[in-house]
Amino acid sequence: MKTDDLIAMLARDAGAVQPDRGGRRFALALAVAMPCSALLMLATLGLNPALGRYVELPNFWMKVLFVAALAAIGVVLARRLSRPGVKLGRAPVTLAVPILVVWAIALATLVPDNAAQRTEDFFRRPWAVCPLLIAMLSVPILAGTTWAMRGLAPTRLRLAGAAAGLVSGGAGALVYCLHCPELTAPFIGFWYLLGVLIPTGIGALLGRRLLQW
């Protein structure tokens, strides 16, 4: 058989390339994992009984938009890192934007306060457990995101693992918003961010093992 004939035969049998396969895998992973994280939150922590009131407050939406932005940027990074040779573009720089915005709001609220009030705003009641609870709620989402990436072709495995952890941390924090009563920008800008960084670090450490293909 001639080489040209072999190539033609293989091309006939290859079938159509699925458009945006990566996007569909990530969408499916989040569609399954987010409800699992929500069920975990309901089973272990419970819904905030004042949630109906909170949704009318600007600070609640500041908190939601902050962690949702981190998760969304994480998805962009994870999708790009799932394909060999794809550049990250401005996504890593964009990641700093929601963090700097919340820090700026936090600074604006802390400056007028006295020292005692600043301490209270920062070390509010659940500060010691907040990052750990966010990390706990991120576990189902990290599993789903890892599944999505393993079905693609990540080559920069540590970075890819960190991106998967960023997605799961941001999405886990989003679920945690339905329980946590804290709304102050200093608290959100530090303890929530720390909660997101825990699975990000775990993903980076385990990326080579979890995403090897």
C-alpha atoms as a PDB file:
ATOM      1  CA  MET A   1       0.000   0.000   0.000  1.00  0.00           C
ATOM      2  CA  LYS A   2       1.309   3.421  -0.928  1.00  0.00           C
ATOM      3  CA  THR A   3       1.836   6.036   1.766  1.00  0.00           C
ATOM      4  CA  ASP A   4      -0.750   8.390   0.219  1.00  0.00           C
ATOM      5  CA  ASP A   5      -3.353   5.613   0.211  1.00  0.00           C
ATOM      6  CA  LEU A   6      -2.634   4.806   3.882  1.00  0.00           C
ATOM      7  CA  ILE A   7      -3.022   8.455   4.900  1.00  0.00           C
ATOM      8  CA  ALA A   8      -6.288   8.721   2.991  1.00  0.00           C
ATOM      9  CA  MET A   9      -7.634   5.569   4.661  1.00  0.00           C
ATOM     10  CA  LEU A  10      -6.730   6.809   8.137  1.00  0.00           C
ATOM     11  CA  ALA A  11      -8.305  10.180   7.447  1.00  0.00           C
ATOM     12  CA  ARG A  12     -11.575   8.509   6.396  1.00  0.00           C
ATOM     13  CA  ASP A  13     -11.690   6.489   9.624  1.00  0.00           C
ATOM     14  CA  ALA A  14     -10.716   9.325  11.955  1.00  0.00           C
ATOM     15  CA  GLY A  15     -14.156  10.911  12.220  1.00  0.00           C
ATOM     16  CA  ALA A  16     -14.931  14.530  12.949  1.00  0.00           C
ATOM     17  CA  VAL A  17     -12.995  16.420  15.598  1.00  0.00           C
ATOM     18  CA  GLN A  18     -15.241  17.394  18.478  1.00  0.00           C
ATOM     19  CA  PRO A  19     -15.391  21.193  18.824  1.00  0.00           C
ATOM     20  CA  ASP A  20     -14.380  22.636  22.207  1.00  0.00           C
ATOM     21  CA  ARG A  21     -14.047  19.249  23.877  1.00  0.00           C
ATOM     22  CA  GLY A  22     -12.188  20.878  26.758  1.00  0.00           C
ATOM     23  CA  GLY A  23     -14.965  23.360  27.420  1.00  0.00           C
ATOM     24  CA  ARG A  24     -17.553  20.587  27.562  1.00  0.00           C
ATOM     25  CA  ARG A  25     -15.440  18.520  29.973  1.00  0.00           C
ATOM     26  CA  PHE A  26     -14.985  21.452  32.350  1.00  0.00           C
ATOM     27  CA  ALA A  27     -18.682  22.327  32.148  1.00  0.00           C
ATOM     28  CA  LEU A  28     -19.654  18.728  32.944  1.00  0.00           C
ATOM     29  CA  ALA A  29     -17.122  18.506  35.786  1.00  0.00           C
ATOM     30  CA  LEU A  30     -18.419  21.689  37.437  1.00  0.00           C
ATOM     31  CA  ALA A  31     -22.061  20.753  36.836  1.00  0.00           C
ATOM     32  CA  VAL A  32     -21.519  17.539  38.809  1.00  0.00           C
ATOM     33  CA  ALA A  33     -18.971  18.711  41.388  1.00  0.00           C
ATOM     34  CA  MET A  34     -20.609  21.992  42.460  1.00  0.00           C
ATOM     35  CA  PRO A  35     -23.836  20.300  43.653  1.00  0.00           C
ATOM     36  CA  CYS A  36     -21.706  17.714  45.474  1.00  0.00           C
ATOM     37  CA  SER A  37     -19.868  20.543  47.238  1.00  0.00           C
ATOM     38  CA  ALA A  38     -23.192  22.214  48.058  1.00  0.00           C
ATOM     39  CA  LEU A  39     -24.545  18.975  49.528  1.00  0.00           C
ATOM     40  CA  LEU A  40     -21.384  18.618  51.604  1.00  0.00           C
ATOM     41  CA  MET A  41     -21.883  22.169  52.881  1.00  0.00           C
ATOM     42  CA  LEU A  42     -25.529  21.516  53.765  1.00  0.00           C
ATOM     43  CA  ALA A  43     -24.691  18.236  55.508  1.00  0.00           C
ATOM     44  CA  THR A  44     -21.798  19.579  57.589  1.00  0.00           C
ATOM     45  CA  LEU A  45     -22.346  23.323  58.006  1.00  0.00           C
ATOM     46  CA  GLY A  46     -25.861  24.241  56.996  1.00  0.00           C
ATOM     47  CA  LEU A  47     -27.283  27.198  55.131  1.00  0.00           C
ATOM     48  CA  ASN A  48     -26.963  30.638  56.672  1.00  0.00           C
ATOM     49  CA  PRO A  49     -30.421  31.319  58.185  1.00  0.00           C
ATOM     50  CA  ALA A  50     -30.020  35.030  57.374  1.00  0.00           C
ATOM     51  CA  LEU A  51     -29.181  34.387  53.705  1.00  0.00           C
ATOM     52  CA  GLY A  52     -32.428  35.967  52.529  1.00  0.00           C
ATOM     53  CA  ARG A  53     -31.372  39.223  54.178  1.00  0.00           C
ATOM     54  CA  TYR A  54     -27.765  38.961  53.065  1.00  0.00           C
ATOM     55  CA  VAL A  55     -28.595  38.886  49.357  1.00  0.00           C
ATOM     56  CA  GLU A  56     -29.840  42.468  49.712  1.00  0.00           C
ATOM     57  CA  LEU A  57     -26.465  43.683  51.016  1.00  0.00           C
ATOM     58  CA  PRO A  58     -23.708  44.998  48.693  1.00  0.00           C
ATOM     59  CA  ASN A  59     -20.966  43.349  50.765  1.00  0.00           C
ATOM     60  CA  PHE A  60     -22.501  39.930  50.177  1.00  0.00           C
ATOM     61  CA  TRP A  61     -22.233  40.408  46.426  1.00  0.00           C
ATOM     62  CA  MET A  62     -18.713  41.785  46.810  1.00  0.00           C
ATOM     63  CA  LYS A  63     -17.805  38.499  48.488  1.00  0.00           C
ATOM     64  CA  VAL A  64     -19.578  36.396  45.854  1.00  0.00           C
ATOM     65  CA  LEU A  65     -18.072  38.279  42.909  1.00  0.00           C
ATOM     66  CA  PHE A  66     -14.581  38.082  44.425  1.00  0.00           C
ATOM     67  CA  VAL A  67     -14.484  34.296  44.726  1.00  0.00           C
ATOM     68  CA  ALA A  68     -16.444  33.783  41.496  1.00  0.00           C
ATOM     69  CA  ALA A  69     -13.835  35.867  39.654  1.00  0.00           C
ATOM     70  CA  LEU A  70     -11.030  33.740  41.099  1.00  0.00           C
ATOM     71  CA  ALA A  71     -12.821  30.564  39.995  1.00  0.00           C
ATOM     72  CA  ALA A  72     -13.524  31.951  36.501  1.00  0.00           C
ATOM     73  CA  ILE A  73      -9.911  33.000  35.951  1.00  0.00           C
ATOM     74  CA  GLY A  74      -8.879  29.582  37.232  1.00  0.00           C
ATOM     75  CA  VAL A  75     -11.059  27.939  34.578  1.00  0.00           C
ATOM     76  CA  VAL A  76      -9.406  30.041  31.852  1.00  0.00           C
ATOM     77  CA  LEU A  77      -5.957  29.052  33.106  1.00  0.00           C
ATOM     78  CA  ALA A  78      -6.919  25.385  33.497  1.00  0.00           C
ATOM     79  CA  ARG A  79      -8.307  25.186  29.967  1.00  0.00           C
ATOM     80  CA  ARG A  80      -5.193  26.758  28.482  1.00  0.00           C
ATOM     81  CA  LEU A  81      -2.889  24.549  30.516  1.00  0.00           C
ATOM     82  CA  SER A  82      -4.820  21.489  29.330  1.00  0.00           C
ATOM     83  CA  ARG A  83      -3.535  21.990  25.791  1.00  0.00           C
ATOM     84  CA  PRO A  84       0.152  21.666  24.885  1.00  0.00           C
ATOM     85  CA  GLY A  85       1.839  24.836  23.727  1.00  0.00           C
ATOM     86  CA  VAL A  86      -1.050  27.202  24.465  1.00  0.00           C
ATOM     87  CA  LYS A  87       0.130  30.488  25.948  1.00  0.00           C
ATOM     88  CA  LEU A  88      -1.398  31.740  29.181  1.00  0.00           C
ATOM     89  CA  GLY A  89      -1.751  35.269  27.835  1.00  0.00           C
ATOM     90  CA  ARG A  90      -2.865  37.881  30.332  1.00  0.00           C
ATOM     91  CA  ALA A  91      -4.811  35.489  32.548  1.00  0.00           C
ATOM     92  CA  PRO A  92      -2.134  35.343  35.312  1.00  0.00           C
ATOM     93  CA  VAL A  93      -2.037  39.155  35.452  1.00  0.00           C
ATOM     94  CA  THR A  94      -5.831  39.330  35.429  1.00  0.00           C
ATOM     95  CA  LEU A  95      -5.829  37.135  38.531  1.00  0.00           C
ATOM     96  CA  ALA A  96      -4.407  40.051  40.517  1.00  0.00           C
ATOM     97  CA  VAL A  97      -7.345  42.346  39.654  1.00  0.00           C
ATOM     98  CA  PRO A  98     -10.071  40.938  41.973  1.00  0.00           C
ATOM     99  CA  ILE A  99      -7.506  40.538  44.772  1.00  0.00           C
ATOM    100  CA  LEU A 100      -6.332  44.149  44.497  1.00  0.00           C
ATOM    101  CA  VAL A 101      -9.913  45.434  44.308  1.00  0.00           C
ATOM    102  CA  VAL A 102     -10.924  43.638  47.524  1.00  0.00           C
ATOM    103  CA  TRP A 103      -7.713  44.722  49.251  1.00  0.00           C
ATOM    104  CA  ALA A 104      -8.415  48.321  48.251  1.00  0.00           C
ATOM    105  CA  ILE A 105     -11.923  48.077  49.713  1.00  0.00           C
ATOM    106  CA  ALA A 106     -10.484  46.497  52.860  1.00  0.00           C
ATOM    107  CA  LEU A 107      -7.930  49.276  53.246  1.00  0.00           C
ATOM    108  CA  ALA A 108     -10.604  51.938  52.784  1.00  0.00           C
ATOM    109  CA  THR A 109     -12.706  50.380  55.543  1.00  0.00           C
ATOM    110  CA  LEU A 110      -9.810  49.784  57.955  1.00  0.00           C
ATOM    111  CA  VAL A 111      -8.223  53.237  57.864  1.00  0.00           C
ATOM    112  CA  PRO A 112     -11.058  55.131  59.632  1.00  0.00           C
ATOM    113  CA  ASP A 113     -11.362  52.490  62.373  1.00  0.00           C
ATOM    114  CA  ASN A 114      -9.494  52.500  65.648  1.00  0.00           C
ATOM    115  CA  ALA A 115      -7.046  49.714  66.456  1.00  0.00           C
ATOM    116  CA  ALA A 116      -9.587  47.632  68.372  1.00  0.00           C
ATOM    117  CA  GLN A 117     -12.118  47.800  65.538  1.00  0.00           C
ATOM    118  CA  ARG A 118      -9.487  46.912  62.939  1.00  0.00           C
ATOM    119  CA  THR A 119      -8.549  43.822  64.953  1.00  0.00           C
ATOM    120  CA  GLU A 120     -12.197  42.839  65.265  1.00  0.00           C
ATOM    121  CA  ASP A 121     -12.789  43.240  61.517  1.00  0.00           C
ATOM    122  CA  PHE A 122      -9.809  41.023  60.736  1.00  0.00           C
ATOM    123  CA  PHE A 123     -10.089  38.349  63.430  1.00  0.00           C
ATOM    124  CA  ARG A 124     -13.806  37.760  63.381  1.00  0.00           C
ATOM    125  CA  ARG A 125     -15.319  34.650  64.941  1.00  0.00           C
ATOM    126  CA  PRO A 126     -14.741  31.967  62.248  1.00  0.00           C
ATOM    127  CA  TRP A 127     -11.290  33.148  61.082  1.00  0.00           C
ATOM    128  CA  ALA A 128      -9.456  30.048  62.345  1.00  0.00           C
ATOM    129  CA  VAL A 129     -11.666  27.557  60.509  1.00  0.00           C
ATOM    130  CA  CYS A 130     -12.776  29.566  57.462  1.00  0.00           C
ATOM    131  CA  PRO A 131      -9.804  28.642  55.198  1.00  0.00           C
ATOM    132  CA  LEU A 132     -10.041  24.975  56.200  1.00  0.00           C
ATOM    133  CA  LEU A 133     -13.776  24.849  55.498  1.00  0.00           C
ATOM    134  CA  ILE A 134     -13.256  26.380  52.063  1.00  0.00           C
ATOM    135  CA  ALA A 135     -10.545  23.793  51.384  1.00  0.00           C
ATOM    136  CA  MET A 136     -12.910  21.028  52.519  1.00  0.00           C
ATOM    137  CA  LEU A 137     -15.680  22.195  50.193  1.00  0.00           C
ATOM    138  CA  SER A 138     -13.210  22.397  47.313  1.00  0.00           C
ATOM    139  CA  VAL A 139     -12.404  18.663  47.411  1.00  0.00           C
ATOM    140  CA  PRO A 140     -15.279  17.456  45.152  1.00  0.00           C
ATOM    141  CA  ILE A 141     -14.541  20.262  42.699  1.00  0.00           C
ATOM    142  CA  LEU A 142     -10.825  19.471  42.636  1.00  0.00           C
ATOM    143  CA  ALA A 143     -11.704  15.867  41.824  1.00  0.00           C
ATOM    144  CA  GLY A 144     -13.985  16.983  38.988  1.00  0.00           C
ATOM    145  CA  THR A 145     -11.514  19.490  37.572  1.00  0.00           C
ATOM    146  CA  THR A 146      -8.724  16.925  37.710  1.00  0.00           C
ATOM    147  CA  TRP A 147     -10.936  14.481  35.802  1.00  0.00           C
ATOM    148  CA  ALA A 148     -11.594  17.134  33.152  1.00  0.00           C
ATOM    149  CA  MET A 149      -7.911  17.902  32.693  1.00  0.00           C
ATOM    150  CA  ARG A 150      -6.796  14.262  32.631  1.00  0.00           C
ATOM    151  CA  GLY A 151      -8.999  13.709  29.579  1.00  0.00           C
ATOM    152  CA  LEU A 152      -7.157  16.447  27.703  1.00  0.00           C
ATOM    153  CA  ALA A 153      -3.389  16.878  27.296  1.00  0.00           C
ATOM    154  CA  PRO A 154      -1.741  18.962  30.045  1.00  0.00           C
ATOM    155  CA  THR A 155       2.050  19.082  29.846  1.00  0.00           C
ATOM    156  CA  ARG A 156       2.962  21.718  32.470  1.00  0.00           C
ATOM    157  CA  LEU A 157       1.675  19.510  35.237  1.00  0.00           C
ATOM    158  CA  ARG A 158       2.501  21.588  38.308  1.00  0.00           C
ATOM    159  CA  LEU A 159       0.986  24.728  36.809  1.00  0.00           C
ATOM    160  CA  ALA A 160      -1.993  22.727  35.584  1.00  0.00           C
ATOM    161  CA  GLY A 161      -2.477  21.277  39.060  1.00  0.00           C
ATOM    162  CA  ALA A 162      -2.321  24.764  40.569  1.00  0.00           C
ATOM    163  CA  ALA A 163      -4.939  25.969  38.080  1.00  0.00           C
ATOM    164  CA  ALA A 164      -7.197  23.039  38.970  1.00  0.00           C
ATOM    165  CA  GLY A 165      -6.746  23.942  42.635  1.00  0.00           C
ATOM    166  CA  LEU A 166      -7.574  27.596  41.914  1.00  0.00           C
ATOM    167  CA  VAL A 167     -10.805  26.588  40.201  1.00  0.00           C
ATOM    168  CA  SER A 168     -11.768  24.322  43.070  1.00  0.00           C
ATOM    169  CA  GLY A 169     -10.779  26.836  45.735  1.00  0.00           C
ATOM    170  CA  GLY A 170     -12.747  29.661  44.145  1.00  0.00           C
ATOM    171  CA  ALA A 171     -15.775  27.469  43.512  1.00  0.00           C
ATOM    172  CA  GLY A 172     -15.566  25.975  47.015  1.00  0.00           C
ATOM    173  CA  ALA A 173     -15.457  29.491  48.476  1.00  0.00           C
ATOM    174  CA  LEU A 174     -18.502  30.371  46.380  1.00  0.00           C
ATOM    175  CA  VAL A 175     -20.406  27.500  47.972  1.00  0.00           C
ATOM    176  CA  TYR A 176     -19.110  28.544  51.412  1.00  0.00           C
ATOM    177  CA  CYS A 177     -20.676  31.988  50.879  1.00  0.00           C
ATOM    178  CA  LEU A 178     -24.065  30.341  51.402  1.00  0.00           C
ATOM    179  CA  HIS A 179     -23.048  29.459  54.959  1.00  0.00           C
ATOM    180  CA  CYS A 180     -20.540  32.037  56.168  1.00  0.00           C
ATOM    181  CA  PRO A 181     -22.022  35.117  57.911  1.00  0.00           C
ATOM    182  CA  GLU A 182     -18.928  37.303  57.493  1.00  0.00           C
ATOM    183  CA  LEU A 183     -19.136  40.223  55.063  1.00  0.00           C
ATOM    184  CA  THR A 184     -16.244  42.555  55.911  1.00  0.00           C
ATOM    185  CA  ALA A 185     -13.702  43.176  53.151  1.00  0.00           C
ATOM    186  CA  PRO A 186     -10.627  42.661  55.402  1.00  0.00           C
ATOM    187  CA  PHE A 187     -11.916  39.241  56.428  1.00  0.00           C
ATOM    188  CA  ILE A 188     -12.784  38.246  52.845  1.00  0.00           C
ATOM    189  CA  GLY A 189      -9.578  39.626  51.373  1.00  0.00           C
ATOM    190  CA  PHE A 190      -7.373  37.568  53.675  1.00  0.00           C
ATOM    191  CA  TRP A 191      -9.119  34.491  55.089  1.00  0.00           C
ATOM    192  CA  TYR A 192     -11.164  33.659  51.990  1.00  0.00           C
ATOM    193  CA  LEU A 193      -8.107  34.165  49.817  1.00  0.00           C
ATOM    194  CA  LEU A 194      -6.111  31.871  52.093  1.00  0.00           C
ATOM    195  CA  GLY A 195      -8.873  29.278  51.752  1.00  0.00           C
ATOM    196  CA  VAL A 196      -8.575  29.476  47.958  1.00  0.00           C
ATOM    197  CA  LEU A 197      -4.776  29.252  48.077  1.00  0.00           C
ATOM    198  CA  ILE A 198      -4.797  26.004  50.103  1.00  0.00           C
ATOM    199  CA  PRO A 199      -6.249  23.834  47.284  1.00  0.00           C
ATOM    200  CA  THR A 200      -4.191  25.830  44.777  1.00  0.00           C
ATOM    201  CA  GLY A 201      -1.035  24.787  46.610  1.00  0.00           C
ATOM    202  CA  ILE A 202      -2.238  21.203  46.989  1.00  0.00           C
ATOM    203  CA  GLY A 203      -2.984  21.069  43.271  1.00  0.00           C
ATOM    204  CA  ALA A 204       0.506  22.340  42.452  1.00  0.00           C
ATOM    205  CA  LEU A 205       2.108  19.753  44.750  1.00  0.00           C
ATOM    206  CA  LEU A 206       0.041  16.856  43.397  1.00  0.00           C
ATOM    207  CA  GLY A 207      -0.213  18.004  39.792  1.00  0.00           C
ATOM    208  CA  ARG A 208       2.497  15.735  38.468  1.00  0.00           C
ATOM    209  CA  ARG A 209       0.890  12.692  40.075  1.00  0.00           C
ATOM    210  CA  LEU A 210      -2.778  13.564  39.406  1.00  0.00           C
ATOM    211  CA  LEU A 211      -2.451  14.782  35.829  1.00  0.00           C
ATOM    212  CA  GLN A 212       0.129  12.389  34.390  1.00  0.00           C
ATOM    213  CA  TRP A 213      -1.144  10.877  31.137  1.00  0.00           C
END
